[in-house]
Protein backbone atom coordinates (compact mmCIF):
# COMPACT_ATOMS: atom_id res chain seq x y z
CA UNK A 1 -24.44 -15.83 3.40
CA UNK A 2 -21.28 -16.45 5.38
CA UNK A 3 -18.20 -17.20 3.37
CA UNK A 4 -14.90 -17.40 5.20
CA UNK A 5 -11.42 -17.45 3.72
CA UNK A 6 -8.59 -18.65 5.94
CA UNK A 7 -4.99 -17.82 5.05
CA UNK A 8 -2.57 -20.26 6.66
CA UNK A 9 1.21 -19.71 6.61
CA UNK A 10 2.78 -23.14 7.08
CA UNK A 11 6.30 -21.70 6.76
CA UNK A 12 5.80 -18.65 8.96
CA UNK A 13 9.25 -18.84 10.56
CA UNK A 14 11.02 -19.16 7.21
CA UNK A 15 8.96 -16.45 5.53
CA UNK A 16 9.47 -14.06 8.45
CA UNK A 17 13.23 -14.59 8.47
CA UNK A 18 13.85 -14.92 4.75
CA UNK A 19 11.20 -13.38 2.49
CA UNK A 20 11.41 -13.68 -1.26
CA UNK A 21 14.28 -11.24 -1.70
CA UNK A 22 16.42 -10.85 -4.82
CA UNK A 23 20.19 -11.25 -4.80
CA UNK A 24 20.90 -8.06 -2.91
CA UNK A 25 21.86 -8.99 0.64
CA UNK A 26 25.45 -9.53 1.67
CA UNK A 27 24.58 -11.23 4.93
CA UNK A 28 25.77 -14.77 5.59
CA UNK A 29 22.19 -16.02 5.67
CA UNK A 30 21.36 -14.40 2.33
CA UNK A 31 22.09 -17.73 0.64
CA UNK A 32 18.92 -19.03 2.24
CA UNK A 33 17.02 -16.92 -0.25
CA UNK A 34 17.55 -19.65 -2.83
CA UNK A 35 15.31 -22.67 -2.58
CA UNK A 36 18.27 -24.97 -3.26
CA UNK A 37 19.98 -24.05 0.03
CA UNK A 38 18.92 -26.19 3.03
CA UNK A 39 17.60 -24.05 5.89
CA UNK A 40 16.50 -25.03 9.40
CA UNK A 41 14.85 -22.71 11.91
CA UNK A 42 16.00 -23.38 15.48
CA UNK A 43 14.34 -22.67 18.81
CA UNK A 44 15.92 -23.74 22.10
CA UNK A 45 18.55 -25.75 20.25
CA UNK A 46 15.91 -27.79 18.39
CA UNK A 47 14.55 -27.67 14.86
CA UNK A 48 11.06 -26.21 14.56
CA UNK A 49 10.90 -25.91 10.77
CA UNK A 50 13.00 -26.95 7.78
CA UNK A 51 12.66 -26.33 4.07
CA UNK A 52 12.60 -28.95 1.35
CA UNK A 53 16.37 -29.27 0.74
CA UNK A 54 16.97 -29.64 4.48
CA UNK A 55 14.29 -32.32 4.80
CA UNK A 56 15.87 -34.16 1.88
CA UNK A 57 19.11 -34.32 3.88
CA UNK A 58 17.26 -35.87 6.83
CA UNK A 59 16.52 -32.80 8.97
CA UNK A 60 13.30 -33.22 10.94
CA UNK A 61 11.36 -31.16 13.44
CA UNK A 62 12.60 -31.70 16.98
CA UNK A 63 16.15 -32.63 15.94
CA UNK A 64 18.92 -31.10 18.04
CA UNK A 65 21.49 -28.69 16.66
CA UNK A 66 24.27 -31.24 16.94
CA UNK A 67 22.29 -33.75 14.95
CA UNK A 68 21.72 -31.23 12.18
CA UNK A 69 25.43 -30.46 12.02
CA UNK A 70 26.23 -34.15 11.93
CA UNK A 71 23.94 -34.66 8.94
CA UNK A 72 25.39 -31.85 6.84
CA UNK A 73 27.44 -28.73 7.37
CA UNK A 74 25.61 -27.07 4.47
CA UNK A 75 22.39 -26.59 6.46
CA UNK A 76 21.94 -22.89 7.31
CA UNK A 77 20.62 -22.68 10.88
CA UNK A 78 18.56 -19.60 11.70
CA UNK A 79 17.23 -18.66 15.11
CA UNK A 80 13.51 -18.20 15.34
CA UNK A 81 12.41 -14.59 15.81
CA UNK A 82 8.87 -14.24 17.27
CA UNK A 83 8.99 -10.48 16.70
CA UNK A 84 9.54 -10.91 12.96
CA UNK A 85 6.75 -13.50 12.83
CA UNK A 86 4.37 -11.14 14.62
CA UNK A 87 5.27 -8.35 12.17
CA UNK A 88 4.52 -10.62 9.23
CA UNK A 89 1.16 -11.65 10.70
CA UNK A 90 0.30 -7.97 11.31
CA UNK A 91 1.27 -7.10 7.73
CA UNK A 92 -0.89 -10.00 6.51
CA UNK A 93 -3.90 -8.80 8.51
CA UNK A 94 -3.45 -5.23 7.26
CA UNK A 95 -3.15 -6.40 3.65
CA UNK A 96 -6.36 -8.45 3.93
CA UNK A 97 -8.25 -5.36 5.09
CA UNK A 98 -8.31 -4.46 1.40
CA UNK A 99 -11.05 -7.08 0.91
CA UNK A 100 -13.16 -6.69 4.06
CA UNK A 101 -12.99 -5.00 7.45
CA UNK A 102 -13.92 -8.33 9.09
CA UNK A 103 -10.45 -9.77 9.66
CA UNK A 104 -9.71 -11.99 12.65
CA UNK A 105 -6.52 -13.63 13.86
CA UNK A 106 -6.76 -17.26 14.89
CA UNK A 107 -7.04 -17.50 18.70
CA UNK A 108 -4.18 -20.01 18.72
CA UNK A 109 -1.01 -18.02 17.93
CA UNK A 110 0.79 -21.19 16.82
CA UNK A 111 -1.86 -21.73 14.12
CA UNK A 112 -0.37 -18.92 11.94
CA UNK A 113 -3.78 -18.35 10.37
CA UNK A 114 -5.78 -15.22 9.56
CA UNK A 115 -9.50 -15.53 8.80
CA UNK A 116 -11.67 -13.06 6.88
CA UNK A 117 -15.46 -12.96 6.55
CA UNK A 118 -15.82 -12.23 2.84
CA UNK A 119 -19.54 -12.96 2.41
CA UNK A 120 -20.37 -9.32 1.75
CA UNK A 121 -17.46 -8.95 -0.71
CA UNK A 122 -18.23 -11.82 -3.08
CA UNK A 123 -20.16 -9.80 -5.64
CA UNK A 124 -17.73 -6.89 -5.46
CA UNK A 125 -14.74 -9.07 -6.37
CA UNK A 126 -16.50 -11.22 -8.97
CA UNK A 127 -17.42 -14.37 -7.00
CA UNK A 128 -15.63 -16.71 -4.65
CA UNK A 129 -13.14 -18.03 -7.22
CA UNK A 130 -12.01 -14.56 -8.29
CA UNK A 131 -11.85 -13.45 -4.66
CA UNK A 132 -9.68 -16.42 -3.69
CA UNK A 133 -7.31 -15.69 -6.57
CA UNK A 134 -7.07 -12.04 -5.53
CA UNK A 135 -6.36 -12.98 -1.91
CA UNK A 136 -3.75 -15.52 -2.97
CA UNK A 137 -2.01 -13.03 -5.28
CA UNK A 138 -1.89 -10.29 -2.66
CA UNK A 139 -0.48 -12.54 0.05
CA UNK A 140 2.13 -13.94 -2.33
CA UNK A 141 3.29 -10.37 -2.97
CA UNK A 142 4.06 -10.18 0.72
CA UNK A 143 6.75 -12.81 0.10
CA UNK A 144 4.95 -15.51 2.09
CA UNK A 145 4.00 -19.08 1.17
CA UNK A 146 0.34 -19.71 1.95
CA UNK A 147 -2.46 -22.25 1.90
CA UNK A 148 -6.05 -21.08 1.40
CA UNK A 149 -9.11 -22.67 2.92
CA UNK A 150 -12.70 -21.58 2.26
CA UNK A 151 -15.98 -22.52 3.85
CA UNK A 152 -19.17 -21.32 5.52
CA UNK A 153 -17.49 -21.28 8.98
CA UNK A 154 -14.30 -19.65 10.15
CA UNK A 155 -12.72 -22.59 11.98
CA UNK A 156 -13.81 -25.00 9.28
CA UNK A 157 -12.00 -22.90 6.69
CA UNK A 158 -8.99 -22.68 9.02
CA UNK A 159 -8.80 -26.49 9.35
CA UNK A 160 -9.13 -26.93 5.59
CA UNK A 161 -6.33 -24.42 5.02
CA UNK A 162 -4.00 -25.98 7.58
CA UNK A 163 -4.24 -29.58 6.38
CA UNK A 164 -0.90 -30.80 5.02
CA UNK A 165 -0.16 -32.33 1.66
CA UNK A 166 -0.49 -36.10 1.45
CA UNK A 167 0.93 -38.81 -0.77
CA UNK A 168 -1.03 -41.26 -2.84
CA UNK A 169 -0.27 -44.95 -3.21
CA UNK A 170 2.42 -44.24 -5.81
CA UNK A 171 4.14 -41.73 -3.52
CA UNK A 172 3.15 -38.63 -5.47
CA UNK A 173 2.07 -35.51 -3.60
CA UNK A 174 -1.68 -34.85 -3.69
CA UNK A 175 -3.28 -31.51 -2.92
CA UNK A 176 -6.25 -32.01 -0.62
CA UNK A 177 -9.54 -30.24 -1.26
CA UNK A 178 -9.65 -27.00 0.68
CA UNK A 179 -12.65 -25.15 -0.78
CA UNK A 180 -16.30 -25.56 0.13
CA UNK A 181 -19.22 -23.27 -0.51
CA UNK A 182 -22.13 -25.32 0.84
CA UNK A 183 -22.22 -26.57 4.48
CA UNK A 184 -22.79 -30.16 3.36
CA UNK A 185 -19.60 -30.27 1.31
CA UNK A 186 -17.62 -28.62 4.10
CA UNK A 187 -18.85 -31.26 6.57
CA UNK A 188 -17.68 -34.03 4.24
CA UNK A 189 -14.25 -32.42 3.84
CA UNK A 190 -13.87 -31.92 7.58
CA UNK A 191 -14.83 -35.54 8.27
CA UNK A 192 -11.89 -36.70 6.13
CA UNK A 193 -9.29 -34.63 8.00
CA UNK A 194 -6.71 -36.59 10.05
CA UNK A 195 -6.89 -36.45 13.84
CA UNK A 196 -3.59 -34.55 13.80
CA UNK A 197 -5.66 -31.46 13.00
CA UNK A 198 -6.98 -31.62 16.57
CA UNK A 199 -3.50 -31.09 17.98
CA UNK A 200 -3.70 -28.77 20.95
CA UNK A 201 -7.34 -29.64 21.61
CA UNK A 202 -6.95 -33.36 22.27
CA UNK A 203 -4.30 -36.03 22.66
CA UNK A 204 -4.11 -37.27 19.07
CA UNK A 205 -2.03 -40.23 20.30
CA UNK A 206 -4.85 -41.32 22.58
CA UNK A 207 -7.38 -40.89 19.79
CA UNK A 208 -5.20 -42.95 17.46
CA UNK A 209 -4.93 -45.59 20.15
CA UNK A 210 -8.69 -46.09 20.28
CA UNK A 211 -8.86 -46.41 16.50
CA UNK A 212 -9.84 -42.89 15.46
CA UNK A 213 -8.03 -41.85 12.32
CA UNK A 214 -10.18 -38.94 11.07
CA UNK A 215 -12.07 -36.04 12.57
CA UNK A 216 -15.36 -37.59 11.44
CA UNK A 217 -14.67 -40.69 13.51
CA UNK A 218 -13.91 -38.54 16.56
CA UNK A 219 -17.11 -36.62 16.04
CA UNK A 220 -19.05 -39.88 15.96
CA UNK A 221 -17.92 -40.88 19.48
CA UNK A 222 -20.28 -40.36 22.43
CA UNK A 223 -20.14 -36.69 23.44
CA UNK A 224 -20.43 -37.39 27.15
CA UNK A 225 -17.37 -39.62 27.10
CA UNK A 226 -15.35 -37.15 25.04
CA UNK A 227 -16.24 -34.34 27.39
CA UNK A 228 -15.27 -36.41 30.43
CA UNK A 229 -11.93 -37.59 28.99
CA UNK A 230 -10.79 -34.64 26.83
CA UNK A 231 -12.64 -31.65 28.24
CA UNK A 232 -15.18 -29.25 26.72
CA UNK A 233 -12.76 -27.38 24.41
CA UNK A 234 -12.66 -30.13 21.79
CA UNK A 235 -16.43 -30.40 21.49
CA UNK A 236 -16.84 -26.63 21.41
CA UNK A 237 -14.34 -26.27 18.59
CA UNK A 238 -15.94 -29.14 16.62
CA UNK A 239 -19.36 -27.51 16.93
CA UNK A 240 -17.92 -24.18 15.81
CA UNK A 241 -16.12 -25.71 12.83
CA UNK A 242 -19.23 -27.55 11.65
CA UNK A 243 -21.43 -24.48 12.13
CA UNK A 244 -23.62 -25.92 14.86
CA UNK A 245 -22.99 -23.04 17.29
CA UNK A 246 -22.31 -19.36 16.53
CA UNK A 247 -18.90 -17.82 17.18
CA UNK A 248 -18.07 -14.30 18.28
CA UNK A 249 -14.77 -12.93 17.07
CA UNK A 250 -12.60 -10.05 18.14
CA UNK A 251 -11.94 -8.29 14.88
CA UNK A 252 -8.49 -7.10 14.00
CA UNK A 253 -8.26 -3.39 14.69
CA UNK A 254 -6.07 -1.25 12.44
CA UNK A 255 -3.86 1.29 14.26
CA UNK A 256 -4.90 4.94 14.28
CA UNK A 257 -1.67 5.99 12.55
CA UNK A 258 0.39 4.01 10.07
CA UNK A 259 4.03 3.48 11.02
CA UNK A 260 5.24 0.02 10.05
CA UNK A 261 8.84 -1.13 10.37
CA UNK A 262 10.65 -4.24 9.15
CA UNK A 263 14.16 -5.62 9.20
CA UNK A 264 15.97 -6.35 5.98
CA UNK A 265 17.65 -9.77 5.70
CA UNK A 266 21.10 -8.21 5.56
CA UNK A 267 23.07 -5.13 4.61
CA UNK A 268 21.25 -4.03 1.47
CA UNK A 269 22.88 -1.67 -0.99
CA UNK A 270 20.60 -1.92 -4.02
CA UNK A 271 17.25 -0.56 -5.08
CA UNK A 272 15.92 -4.09 -5.72
CA UNK A 273 16.60 -5.15 -2.15
CA UNK A 274 14.86 -2.11 -0.69
CA UNK A 275 11.89 -2.45 -3.05
CA UNK A 276 11.43 -6.10 -2.10
CA UNK A 277 10.96 -5.08 1.52
CA UNK A 278 8.93 -1.98 0.69
CA UNK A 279 6.38 -4.13 -1.19
CA UNK A 280 5.28 -5.70 2.08
CA UNK A 281 4.91 -2.30 3.73
CA UNK A 282 2.99 -0.86 0.78
CA UNK A 283 0.53 -3.77 0.75
CA UNK A 284 -0.07 -3.31 4.46
CA UNK A 285 -0.54 0.42 3.83
CA UNK A 286 -3.12 -0.26 1.11
CA UNK A 287 -5.21 -2.37 3.48
CA UNK A 288 -4.93 0.22 6.24
CA UNK A 289 -6.05 2.99 3.88
CA UNK A 290 -9.00 0.89 2.68
CA UNK A 291 -10.32 0.72 6.24
CA UNK A 292 -9.80 4.44 6.69
CA UNK A 293 -11.53 5.07 3.32
CA UNK A 294 -8.66 7.40 2.58
CA UNK A 295 -5.76 7.85 0.21
CA UNK A 296 -2.25 8.90 1.07
CA UNK A 297 -1.00 12.27 -0.19
CA UNK A 298 2.43 12.26 1.45
CA UNK A 299 4.44 9.33 2.82
CA UNK A 300 8.04 8.79 3.86
CA UNK A 301 10.13 5.63 3.63
CA UNK A 302 13.08 5.82 6.02
CA UNK A 303 16.10 3.68 5.25
CA UNK A 304 17.66 2.73 8.57
CA UNK A 305 21.39 2.08 8.73
CA UNK A 306 23.41 0.01 11.15
CA UNK A 307 25.34 1.45 14.08
CA UNK A 308 29.06 1.17 13.54
CA UNK A 309 31.59 0.09 16.11
CA UNK A 310 32.82 3.63 16.61
CA UNK A 311 29.61 4.37 18.48
CA UNK A 312 28.16 6.91 16.05
CA UNK A 313 24.86 6.11 14.44
CA UNK A 314 24.18 7.07 10.84
CA UNK A 315 20.87 8.96 10.57
CA UNK A 316 18.09 7.37 8.58
CA UNK A 317 17.78 8.33 4.91
CA UNK A 318 14.26 9.63 4.17
CA UNK A 319 12.63 9.03 0.81
CA UNK A 320 9.58 11.29 0.56
CA UNK A 321 6.74 10.83 -1.92
CA UNK A 322 4.11 13.51 -2.52
CA UNK A 323 0.98 12.82 -4.55
CA UNK A 324 -1.17 15.27 -6.50
CA UNK A 325 -4.27 13.21 -5.69
CA UNK A 326 -4.85 10.79 -2.81
CA UNK A 327 -4.20 7.16 -3.73
CA UNK A 328 -4.09 3.77 -2.05
CA UNK A 329 -3.09 1.70 -5.07
CA UNK A 330 0.05 -0.26 -4.05
CA UNK A 331 1.14 -0.64 -7.69
CA UNK A 332 1.05 3.11 -8.26
CA UNK A 333 2.83 3.82 -4.98
CA UNK A 334 5.44 1.21 -5.81
CA UNK A 335 6.19 2.88 -9.17
CA UNK A 336 6.62 6.26 -7.50
CA UNK A 337 8.91 4.78 -4.87
CA UNK A 338 10.93 3.04 -7.58
CA UNK A 339 11.43 6.38 -9.36
CA UNK A 340 12.71 8.03 -6.19
CA UNK A 341 14.98 5.18 -5.19
CA UNK A 342 16.58 5.06 -8.64
CA UNK A 343 18.03 8.51 -7.92
CA UNK A 344 19.31 7.56 -4.47
CA UNK A 345 23.00 6.90 -3.93
CA UNK A 346 23.55 4.11 -1.39
CA UNK A 347 26.59 5.42 0.46
CA UNK A 348 25.69 3.36 3.55
CA UNK A 349 23.93 -0.05 3.46
CA UNK A 350 20.36 -0.21 4.76
CA UNK A 351 19.39 -2.74 7.41
CA UNK A 352 15.77 -1.75 8.08
CA UNK A 353 12.78 0.11 6.63
CA UNK A 354 10.20 2.34 8.28
CA UNK A 355 7.14 3.54 6.34
CA UNK A 356 5.28 6.56 7.71
CA UNK A 357 2.13 8.34 6.49
CA UNK A 358 2.45 12.09 6.93
CA UNK A 359 -0.84 13.17 5.36
CA UNK A 360 -3.89 11.58 3.79
CA UNK A 361 -7.32 12.58 2.52
CA UNK A 362 -10.69 10.96 2.08
CA UNK A 363 -10.65 8.81 -1.04
CA UNK A 364 -13.98 7.24 -2.00
CA UNK A 365 -14.35 5.21 -5.21
CA UNK A 366 -15.97 7.09 -8.07
CA UNK A 367 -18.93 5.81 -10.02
CA UNK A 368 -18.15 4.57 -13.52
CA UNK A 369 -19.58 6.46 -16.49
CA UNK A 370 -21.66 4.83 -19.19
CA UNK A 371 -19.05 5.64 -21.85
CA UNK A 372 -15.72 5.97 -20.03
CA UNK A 373 -12.98 7.92 -21.77
CA UNK A 374 -9.56 6.22 -21.55
CA UNK A 375 -7.10 8.33 -19.60
CA UNK A 376 -9.63 11.11 -19.03
CA UNK A 377 -10.37 10.60 -15.35
CA UNK A 378 -8.90 12.80 -12.60
CA UNK A 379 -7.19 9.72 -11.17
CA UNK A 380 -5.26 9.19 -14.43
CA UNK A 381 -4.17 12.84 -14.44
CA UNK A 382 -3.12 12.54 -10.80
CA UNK A 383 -1.02 9.47 -11.56
CA UNK A 384 0.70 11.33 -14.39
CA UNK A 385 1.54 14.25 -12.09
CA UNK A 386 2.78 11.87 -9.41
CA UNK A 387 5.09 10.14 -11.90
CA UNK A 388 6.43 13.48 -13.15
CA UNK A 389 7.13 14.68 -9.61
CA UNK A 390 8.89 11.44 -8.72
CA UNK A 391 11.01 11.60 -11.88
CA UNK A 392 11.69 15.37 -12.20
CA UNK A 393 11.48 16.44 -8.58
CA UNK A 394 8.73 18.07 -6.59
CA UNK A 395 10.13 21.55 -7.16
CA UNK A 396 9.93 21.19 -10.96
CA UNK A 397 6.22 20.31 -11.30
CA UNK A 398 4.28 23.42 -10.30
CA UNK A 399 0.72 24.70 -10.41
CA UNK A 400 -0.73 28.20 -9.87
CA UNK A 401 -2.28 28.91 -6.52
CA UNK A 402 -4.70 31.89 -6.47
CA UNK A 403 -4.05 34.62 -3.94
CA UNK A 404 -6.35 37.37 -2.66
CA UNK A 405 -4.83 40.26 -4.62
CA UNK A 406 -6.30 42.27 -7.52
CA UNK A 407 -2.90 42.97 -9.08
CA UNK A 408 -2.40 40.32 -11.79
CA UNK A 409 1.32 39.83 -11.12
CA UNK A 410 0.52 39.07 -7.47
CA UNK A 411 -2.80 37.25 -7.90
CA UNK A 412 -1.18 33.81 -7.74
CA UNK A 413 2.04 32.05 -6.89
CA UNK A 414 3.54 28.82 -8.18
CA UNK A 415 3.56 25.91 -5.76
CA UNK A 416 4.23 22.15 -6.09
CA UNK A 417 1.42 20.17 -7.69
CA UNK A 418 0.93 18.07 -4.56
CA UNK A 419 0.44 21.10 -2.31
CA UNK A 420 -3.28 21.24 -1.64
CA UNK A 421 -4.08 23.91 0.99
CA UNK A 422 -7.73 23.76 1.90
CA UNK A 423 -8.82 21.50 -0.97
CA UNK A 424 -7.89 20.02 -4.30
CA UNK A 425 -5.41 21.96 -6.41
CA UNK A 426 -7.79 21.88 -9.33
CA UNK A 427 -10.56 23.52 -7.33
CA UNK A 428 -8.44 26.60 -6.71
CA UNK A 429 -7.44 26.78 -10.36
CA UNK A 430 -10.99 27.01 -11.67
CA UNK A 431 -12.15 30.39 -12.90
CA UNK A 432 -14.65 32.11 -10.63
CA UNK A 433 -17.86 33.06 -12.49
CA UNK A 434 -18.30 36.78 -13.09
CA UNK A 435 -14.62 37.74 -13.39
CA UNK A 436 -13.37 39.45 -16.56
CA UNK A 437 -11.50 37.40 -19.13
CA UNK A 438 -7.81 37.02 -18.31
CA UNK A 439 -4.92 35.64 -20.42
CA UNK A 440 -3.01 32.51 -19.45
CA UNK A 441 0.38 34.02 -20.30
CA UNK A 442 1.60 37.03 -18.34
CA UNK A 443 4.90 38.67 -19.14
CA UNK A 444 7.47 38.62 -16.38
CA UNK A 445 7.76 42.41 -16.67
CA UNK A 446 5.18 44.62 -18.46
CA UNK A 447 6.47 45.83 -21.82
CA UNK A 448 6.15 49.60 -22.49
CA UNK A 449 4.26 50.42 -25.69
CA UNK A 450 4.54 53.36 -28.03
CA UNK A 451 1.48 55.52 -28.67
CA UNK A 452 0.42 56.83 -32.07
CA UNK A 453 -2.63 59.07 -32.29
CA UNK A 454 -3.65 58.08 -28.76
CA UNK A 455 -3.58 54.36 -29.71
CA UNK A 456 -1.08 51.87 -28.24
CA UNK A 457 1.11 50.07 -30.77
CA UNK A 458 2.66 46.59 -30.68
CA UNK A 459 3.84 45.65 -34.17
CA UNK A 460 1.22 48.07 -35.41
CA UNK A 461 -1.73 49.95 -33.91
CA UNK A 462 -3.92 47.93 -31.55
CA UNK A 463 -7.70 47.86 -31.64
CA UNK A 464 -9.36 47.88 -28.21
CA UNK A 465 -12.05 45.19 -27.95
CA UNK A 466 -13.31 45.58 -24.38
CA UNK A 467 -14.35 48.19 -21.93
CA UNK A 468 -11.73 49.16 -19.32
CA UNK A 469 -11.26 47.01 -16.23
CA UNK A 470 -10.02 49.36 -13.53
CA UNK A 471 -7.61 48.08 -10.89
CA UNK A 472 -6.46 50.33 -8.07
CA UNK A 473 -4.74 48.33 -5.36
CA UNK A 474 -1.51 47.93 -3.38
CA UNK A 475 -1.44 51.19 -1.43
CA UNK A 476 -0.68 49.26 1.78
CA UNK A 477 2.61 47.65 0.63
CA UNK A 478 4.18 50.50 -1.34
CA UNK A 479 3.41 48.97 -4.77
CA UNK A 480 0.38 51.02 -5.78
CA UNK A 481 -1.16 49.97 -9.11
CA UNK A 482 -3.61 52.35 -10.83
CA UNK A 483 -4.40 50.76 -14.16
CA UNK A 484 -7.14 50.38 -16.74
CA UNK A 485 -6.90 46.98 -18.52
CA UNK A 486 -8.13 46.32 -22.06
CA UNK A 487 -8.31 43.38 -24.42
CA UNK A 488 -6.71 44.52 -27.67
CA UNK A 489 -6.18 42.92 -31.08
CA UNK A 490 -3.32 43.41 -33.49
CA UNK A 491 -3.69 43.57 -37.24
CA UNK A 492 -2.58 39.91 -37.66
CA UNK A 493 -5.17 38.68 -35.16
CA UNK A 494 -2.96 38.40 -32.07
CA UNK A 495 -4.95 39.24 -28.94
CA UNK A 496 -3.14 41.14 -26.21
CA UNK A 497 -3.86 42.26 -22.70
CA UNK A 498 -2.74 45.85 -22.25
CA UNK A 499 -3.23 48.40 -19.56
CA UNK A 500 -3.13 52.17 -19.33
CA UNK A 501 -1.14 53.50 -16.39
CA UNK A 502 -2.98 56.40 -14.83
CA UNK A 503 -0.64 59.06 -13.44
CA UNK A 504 -1.09 60.23 -9.88
CA UNK A 505 -2.19 63.71 -8.92
CA UNK A 506 1.36 64.77 -8.16
CA UNK A 507 2.84 63.25 -11.34
CA UNK A 508 0.93 64.92 -14.15
CA UNK A 509 1.68 64.05 -17.77
CA UNK A 510 0.02 61.65 -20.18
CA UNK A 511 -1.14 58.08 -19.78
CA UNK A 512 1.41 55.36 -20.44
CA UNK A 513 0.56 52.03 -22.09
CA UNK A 514 2.01 48.60 -21.28
CA UNK A 515 1.65 45.07 -22.66
CA UNK A 516 1.05 42.66 -19.75
CA UNK A 517 -0.15 39.40 -21.28
CA UNK A 518 -1.05 37.41 -24.40
CA UNK A 519 -4.08 35.28 -25.08
CA UNK A 520 -3.70 31.79 -26.51
């Protein structure tokens, strides 16, 4: 079953220039963040898009700059930036990769529409209604205003998504139907669309002149005459939208490495302003990781600063995040980034963000257990370690890393919890079968013990419970260890790990005893 979801951004220019930022920018255009401020996007001295307050003042598409200024001096005029629009569309496509790898950009760049084939994902996300809600919520977190259209065909869903709001007889705004599951319902919805939806494929003025008001009426005209007057593109697109001919798409291809950059809407000096922009980058990262079937283990957010008039450029401020376990959850990554940014002092305002992935690992979803234990999964433990590292610092959350040395004091070293050489940190920490029992607590320096009647004493005579474990190692680095280790027990039940130092041939004398560790 084919089920397409089309995401249309009717305010692409506004969303690309002014996302949903908090009150953190000191730029002159930062007032456009509020919906009460009239904003008009200009291209070649003409209006291409205006928000609601600007339209209420009389600003319309195609109006010249002088006409806008004559209407009101309060209208904020912003120049259209195709680069920012392309970055937003790329971020949208990457974010939608979270739901399916079948993501396609509309062939018409002015359509501002991304289409996804979600037929294979319906059951995974709980049906078409739940999937549409999830898509809507994720795109809204990008800071973009969207319209969703759904249907059995890609171009049919795109037309349903792009249809504008209409007014009823009383002048109230009416939301048109944009969702269809069965082909018959989609055909009925497409037939009711106005001929303005065919803009770019046909002269809608000519169609209106011959009495065609809807797409269904155009489709009912003789095909030979339409082909002769308007060309084959219109008929081909109608057949594709109604599902009468198959369509081959060029799927959106995610880049091999993730390095996404975006401009901030002004000179930002607060954590809230940076986090608002980082949300878009993290959502794009989550979609990119879903395609790679991987999770990030180390990423860097670079805060770019402006170049001052003196000619010197302030270097970017890196904010590094290391994870104990690979993750691609944008909520979890956002919390870690929030913890790191809260400790950052903004000495220089940031004007741009660059998110880089330094390392990642394969991250496949785990099967659920029949009786899951809350908080007992490795992912929950990894999130806890990630939060501790972000809050306390990477150098303060350590784990033992085994080393190939028989001497206990040199058998491991402490390394950060996110350092995973050659595998998971928990794999290296597991006890190897067949090794003698070892205590978890080793003294920093072995404690010499007194001997009474050939028995070591530590708060009283110790009783040896095990046979000796002989260690003779370290002759190559000048720290020779010739020891016999025992598990001993004190009179009050405390279990100790002691060793007997064997003297060398040239030393002579008696054995010396030392306390090296304690058992829990």
